[in-house]
Protein backbone atom coordinates (compact mmCIF):
# COMPACT_ATOMS: atom_id res chain seq x y z
CA MET A 1 49.52 0.38 -33.97
CA LYS A 2 48.29 -2.17 -36.64
CA PRO A 3 45.61 -0.29 -38.92
CA ARG A 4 42.13 -1.17 -37.96
CA PHE A 5 41.22 -2.30 -41.50
CA ALA A 6 44.48 -3.93 -42.64
CA GLY A 7 43.84 -7.38 -44.26
CA LYS A 8 40.26 -6.37 -44.93
CA ILE A 9 38.71 -6.23 -48.34
CA VAL A 10 36.12 -3.92 -48.86
CA TRP A 11 33.34 -3.57 -51.21
CA ILE A 12 31.74 -0.09 -51.20
CA THR A 13 28.75 1.08 -53.42
CA GLY A 14 28.15 4.42 -54.60
CA ALA A 15 31.93 5.02 -54.19
CA SER A 16 32.60 7.71 -56.69
CA SER A 17 31.27 10.82 -54.56
CA GLY A 18 29.93 11.58 -51.19
CA ILE A 19 29.68 9.59 -48.54
CA GLY A 20 30.85 6.39 -50.47
CA GLU A 21 34.37 8.12 -51.72
CA ALA A 22 34.82 9.48 -48.16
CA THR A 23 34.76 6.20 -46.51
CA ALA A 24 37.06 4.97 -49.16
CA TYR A 25 39.42 7.31 -48.29
CA ARG A 26 39.12 6.72 -44.59
CA MET A 27 39.33 3.08 -45.07
CA SER A 28 42.12 3.07 -47.32
CA ALA A 29 44.32 5.35 -44.90
CA GLU A 30 43.14 2.70 -42.08
CA GLY A 31 44.77 -0.56 -44.21
CA ALA A 32 41.47 -1.87 -46.46
CA SER A 33 41.75 -3.16 -49.99
CA LEU A 34 38.94 -1.80 -52.08
CA ILE A 35 36.30 -2.52 -54.07
CA LEU A 36 34.57 0.45 -55.84
CA THR A 37 31.18 0.38 -57.29
CA SER A 38 29.40 2.88 -59.27
CA ARG A 39 27.92 4.09 -62.52
CA ASN A 40 31.03 6.47 -63.07
CA GLU A 41 33.77 4.83 -64.25
CA SER A 42 35.65 7.76 -64.90
CA ALA A 43 35.34 9.02 -61.54
CA LEU A 44 35.90 5.71 -59.75
CA ALA A 45 39.13 5.19 -61.93
CA SER A 46 40.01 9.16 -59.53
CA VAL A 47 38.98 7.19 -56.77
CA ARG A 48 40.81 4.22 -56.94
CA GLU A 49 44.45 6.38 -57.52
CA ARG A 50 43.38 8.30 -54.37
CA CYS A 51 43.01 5.23 -52.45
CA ILE A 52 46.28 3.83 -53.34
CA ALA A 53 47.89 6.95 -52.62
CA SER A 54 46.34 7.28 -49.19
CA GLY A 55 47.28 3.97 -47.91
CA ALA A 56 45.31 1.18 -49.68
CA PRO A 57 47.48 -1.84 -50.56
CA LYS A 58 44.86 -2.50 -53.47
CA ALA A 59 41.73 -1.35 -54.86
CA GLU A 60 39.52 -2.14 -57.94
CA VAL A 61 37.26 -0.82 -59.88
CA LEU A 62 33.47 -2.63 -60.50
CA PRO A 63 31.79 0.07 -62.46
CA ALA A 64 27.92 -1.04 -62.10
CA ASP A 65 23.99 0.45 -63.13
CA LEU A 66 22.60 -0.95 -59.79
CA SER A 67 18.66 0.05 -61.28
CA GLN A 68 19.69 -3.08 -63.66
CA LEU A 69 18.51 -5.75 -61.06
CA GLU A 70 19.09 -8.59 -63.80
CA ASN A 71 23.10 -8.20 -63.40
CA LEU A 72 23.40 -8.16 -59.90
CA GLU A 73 24.09 -11.49 -58.97
CA LYS A 74 27.17 -11.96 -61.57
CA LEU A 75 27.91 -8.13 -60.58
CA ALA A 76 28.47 -10.02 -56.85
CA GLU A 77 30.52 -13.39 -58.11
CA SER A 78 32.83 -10.66 -59.87
CA ALA A 79 33.38 -8.43 -56.89
CA TRP A 80 34.21 -11.99 -54.78
CA SER A 81 36.43 -12.74 -57.22
CA LEU A 82 38.52 -9.92 -57.46
CA PHE A 83 40.30 -10.97 -54.02
CA GLY A 84 38.90 -14.20 -53.10
CA LYS A 85 36.94 -12.47 -50.40
CA ILE A 86 34.70 -9.63 -49.07
CA ASP A 87 34.66 -8.88 -45.27
CA ILE A 88 32.77 -5.82 -45.77
CA PHE A 89 29.99 -4.76 -47.99
CA PHE A 90 29.34 -1.34 -47.41
CA CYS A 91 25.72 -1.13 -49.52
CA ASN A 92 25.82 2.47 -49.76
CA ALA A 93 24.47 3.64 -53.02
CA GLY A 94 20.90 5.44 -53.72
CA ILE A 95 19.15 7.61 -55.37
CA SER A 96 16.80 10.46 -53.68
CA GLN A 97 13.34 12.01 -54.65
CA ARG A 98 11.47 15.18 -54.67
CA SER A 99 7.95 15.00 -55.53
CA ASN A 100 4.76 14.32 -53.93
CA THR A 101 2.40 11.12 -53.79
CA ILE A 102 0.10 12.05 -55.79
CA ASP A 103 2.10 13.24 -58.59
CA SER A 104 5.09 11.14 -58.81
CA GLN A 105 4.74 8.62 -61.61
CA MET A 106 5.15 4.83 -61.08
CA GLU A 107 8.13 4.48 -63.05
CA VAL A 108 10.23 7.12 -60.53
CA ILE A 109 8.86 4.89 -57.48
CA ASP A 110 9.92 1.51 -59.19
CA LYS A 111 13.45 2.95 -59.72
CA VAL A 112 13.89 4.60 -56.35
CA MET A 113 13.15 1.10 -54.95
CA ASP A 114 14.89 -0.75 -57.16
CA VAL A 115 18.25 1.09 -56.12
CA ASN A 116 17.63 1.75 -53.03
CA TYR A 117 15.86 -1.74 -51.87
CA PHE A 118 15.97 -4.35 -54.32
CA ALA A 119 19.78 -3.76 -55.35
CA PRO A 120 20.68 -4.46 -51.97
CA VAL A 121 18.57 -7.15 -51.13
CA THR A 122 19.98 -8.79 -54.54
CA ILE A 123 23.48 -8.56 -53.53
CA THR A 124 23.37 -9.74 -50.25
CA LYS A 125 21.38 -12.55 -51.11
CA ALA A 126 24.19 -13.22 -53.51
CA LEU A 127 26.73 -12.81 -50.96
CA LEU A 128 25.45 -14.38 -47.98
CA PRO A 129 26.29 -18.09 -48.58
CA LYS A 130 29.61 -17.08 -49.51
CA MET A 131 30.12 -14.84 -46.49
CA ILE A 132 28.69 -17.52 -44.18
CA ALA A 133 31.22 -20.37 -46.16
CA ALA A 134 34.08 -18.01 -45.33
CA GLY A 135 33.39 -17.83 -41.70
CA GLY A 136 31.59 -14.70 -41.39
CA GLY A 137 31.51 -11.17 -42.47
CA GLN A 138 29.89 -7.40 -42.14
CA ILE A 139 27.21 -5.83 -44.05
CA ALA A 140 26.95 -2.11 -43.61
CA VAL A 141 24.13 -0.50 -45.27
CA THR A 142 23.08 3.19 -45.86
CA THR A 143 19.40 4.30 -44.61
CA SER A 144 18.26 7.73 -43.91
CA ILE A 145 16.35 9.36 -40.98
CA ALA A 146 13.59 9.44 -44.06
CA GLY A 147 13.46 5.84 -42.98
CA LYS A 148 12.34 6.43 -39.63
CA PHE A 149 9.56 8.76 -40.13
CA GLY A 150 7.54 9.60 -43.25
CA PHE A 151 8.90 12.87 -44.71
CA PRO A 152 7.17 15.06 -47.44
CA LEU A 153 8.42 14.51 -51.29
CA ARG A 154 9.68 11.49 -50.14
CA CYS A 155 7.01 8.63 -50.51
CA ALA A 156 9.55 6.31 -52.35
CA TYR A 157 12.47 7.02 -50.90
CA SER A 158 11.33 6.86 -47.18
CA SER A 159 9.51 3.64 -48.25
CA SER A 160 12.83 2.17 -49.51
CA LYS A 161 14.96 3.11 -46.64
CA PHE A 162 12.08 1.65 -44.21
CA ALA A 163 12.17 -1.35 -45.88
CA LEU A 164 16.24 -1.86 -45.23
CA TYR A 165 15.53 -1.97 -41.75
CA GLY A 166 12.86 -4.69 -42.18
CA PHE A 167 15.15 -6.73 -44.27
CA PHE A 168 18.65 -6.52 -42.92
CA GLU A 169 17.43 -6.84 -39.16
CA THR A 170 15.88 -10.12 -40.55
CA VAL A 171 19.44 -10.99 -42.05
CA GLN A 172 20.96 -9.99 -38.85
CA ALA A 173 18.36 -12.28 -37.18
CA GLU A 174 18.95 -15.31 -38.95
CA CYS A 175 22.66 -15.18 -39.49
CA TYR A 176 24.10 -13.43 -36.63
CA LYS A 177 25.34 -17.10 -35.42
CA ASP A 178 27.02 -17.42 -38.84
CA GLY A 179 29.26 -14.46 -38.21
CA ILE A 180 27.35 -11.73 -40.09
CA ARG A 181 27.35 -8.79 -38.25
CA VAL A 182 24.98 -5.65 -39.75
CA THR A 183 25.98 -1.85 -39.24
CA PHE A 184 23.01 0.37 -40.03
CA VAL A 185 24.23 3.93 -41.28
CA CYS A 186 21.60 6.27 -40.57
CA PRO A 187 22.35 10.08 -42.29
CA GLY A 188 20.57 13.37 -41.77
CA ARG A 189 21.79 16.02 -43.32
CA VAL A 190 25.84 15.35 -45.16
CA GLN A 191 26.97 17.88 -47.62
CA THR A 192 26.58 15.48 -50.98
CA ASN A 193 25.37 15.73 -54.48
CA ILE A 194 22.15 13.42 -53.62
CA SER A 195 19.90 16.35 -54.33
CA LEU A 196 21.37 17.27 -57.51
CA TYR A 197 20.47 13.56 -58.76
CA ALA A 198 16.99 13.32 -57.00
CA LEU A 199 14.34 12.27 -59.15
CA GLU A 200 10.85 14.96 -59.94
CA LYS A 201 7.70 13.14 -60.47
CA ASP A 202 8.62 12.32 -64.12
CA GLY A 203 12.02 10.91 -63.46
CA THR A 204 13.90 13.97 -64.57
CA PRO A 205 16.79 15.00 -61.96
CA HIS A 206 16.18 17.74 -59.59
CA GLY A 207 19.26 19.47 -60.11
CA LYS A 208 19.66 21.52 -57.42
CA MET A 209 21.49 21.68 -53.82
CA ASP A 210 19.21 21.53 -51.51
CA ALA A 211 19.57 24.57 -48.60
CA GLY A 212 19.37 21.79 -45.82
CA GLN A 213 22.02 19.32 -47.69
CA ALA A 214 24.23 22.19 -48.48
CA GLY A 215 24.21 23.04 -44.47
CA GLY A 216 25.16 19.54 -43.29
CA ILE A 217 27.72 17.91 -41.96
CA THR A 218 30.84 17.41 -44.59
CA SER A 219 31.20 13.77 -46.26
CA GLU A 220 34.65 13.35 -44.63
CA MET A 221 33.01 13.95 -41.16
CA ALA A 222 30.58 11.47 -41.56
CA ALA A 223 32.97 9.08 -43.27
CA ARG A 224 35.05 9.18 -39.70
CA LYS A 225 32.00 8.24 -37.99
CA ILE A 226 31.24 5.77 -40.24
CA ALA A 227 34.35 4.16 -40.15
CA ASN A 228 34.35 3.80 -36.24
CA ALA A 229 30.65 2.43 -36.64
CA ILE A 230 32.08 -0.63 -39.05
CA TYR A 231 35.49 -1.33 -36.72
CA ARG A 232 33.17 -1.52 -33.90
CA LYS A 233 30.30 -3.44 -35.51
CA LYS A 234 27.71 -0.99 -34.25
CA ARG A 235 24.47 -2.10 -35.16
CA GLU A 236 23.39 1.54 -35.87
CA VAL A 237 25.31 5.00 -36.26
CA LEU A 238 23.20 8.34 -36.62
CA VAL A 239 25.26 10.55 -39.04
CA GLY A 240 24.53 14.55 -39.08
CA GLY A 241 23.66 17.27 -36.76
CA LYS A 242 20.73 18.66 -34.93
CA GLU A 243 18.46 17.40 -37.48
CA LEU A 244 19.05 13.45 -35.77
CA LEU A 245 16.83 14.55 -33.03
CA MET A 246 13.90 14.02 -34.85
CA VAL A 247 14.83 10.50 -34.60
CA HIS A 248 14.60 10.37 -30.70
CA ILE A 249 11.35 12.24 -30.91
CA LYS A 250 9.74 10.03 -33.06
CA ARG A 251 10.62 7.20 -30.64
CA TRP A 252 9.37 8.54 -27.46
CA PHE A 253 6.84 10.92 -29.21
CA PRO A 254 5.47 9.98 -32.28
CA GLY A 255 2.54 11.99 -31.93
CA LEU A 256 4.65 15.20 -31.61
CA ALA A 257 7.11 13.96 -34.68
CA ALA A 258 3.85 13.33 -36.80
CA ARG A 259 2.72 17.33 -36.57
CA ILE A 260 6.29 17.92 -36.75
CA ALA A 261 6.70 15.92 -40.40
CA ARG A 262 3.47 17.75 -41.54
CA ASN A 263 5.09 20.71 -41.49
CA ILE A 264 8.71 20.22 -42.26
CA LYS A 265 10.02 21.97 -45.43
CA ALA A 266 10.76 19.40 -47.22
CA MET A 267 13.38 20.95 -49.93
């Protein structure tokens, strides 16, 4: 059987660890050629080697700090020029937060919004004309169940993930006729390092593995679901365990969801 992603060029941000890294290996094993982006160039080099060993015909490293918005149009140009096309852009990189609304400094809120929202917007705007001219393409974007309902200690994080739905649903509505497909990847609790690097109220790293994060599904399990959803061009895939029930409660019983959210242990 032909590998499902054979001949596809896939650009993954946040590819040096967690969901991005695991998805890179999964897609490599299914024939994709990869462009790997994160801030950690040495970790990306290791991921690249493993992608090649896993079956990727080609894999390239493109390090970048996505909080530097002024560089991202050029980054998108560089990514496209590596292979002359990008079939799938998995916009996965993100940063979380661990501070209440009153204490969170605006610099922290700005950084979370830059990395989680404005970076995806900037890169997507640069890629869309190229994808459309090439006959279409797919954008997968990592949101969060925190983008479905407000969550304690996540004022900036939840806001950024809510905003992704608004922007990319609009992209889908406008560009569907042009062959553009959007897949929302909505994780709950997955065993990644996101809580270690989450920002405290003053921007310092949280530096702890939260119990909920530690008890989540593995990145490998998440990657299997994500790769399946991208291949099938699903509109959305929920990734996690029993915590995903909250998404359905919010949809059908919003008052109950609000009461639950008020009593969630946030860490």
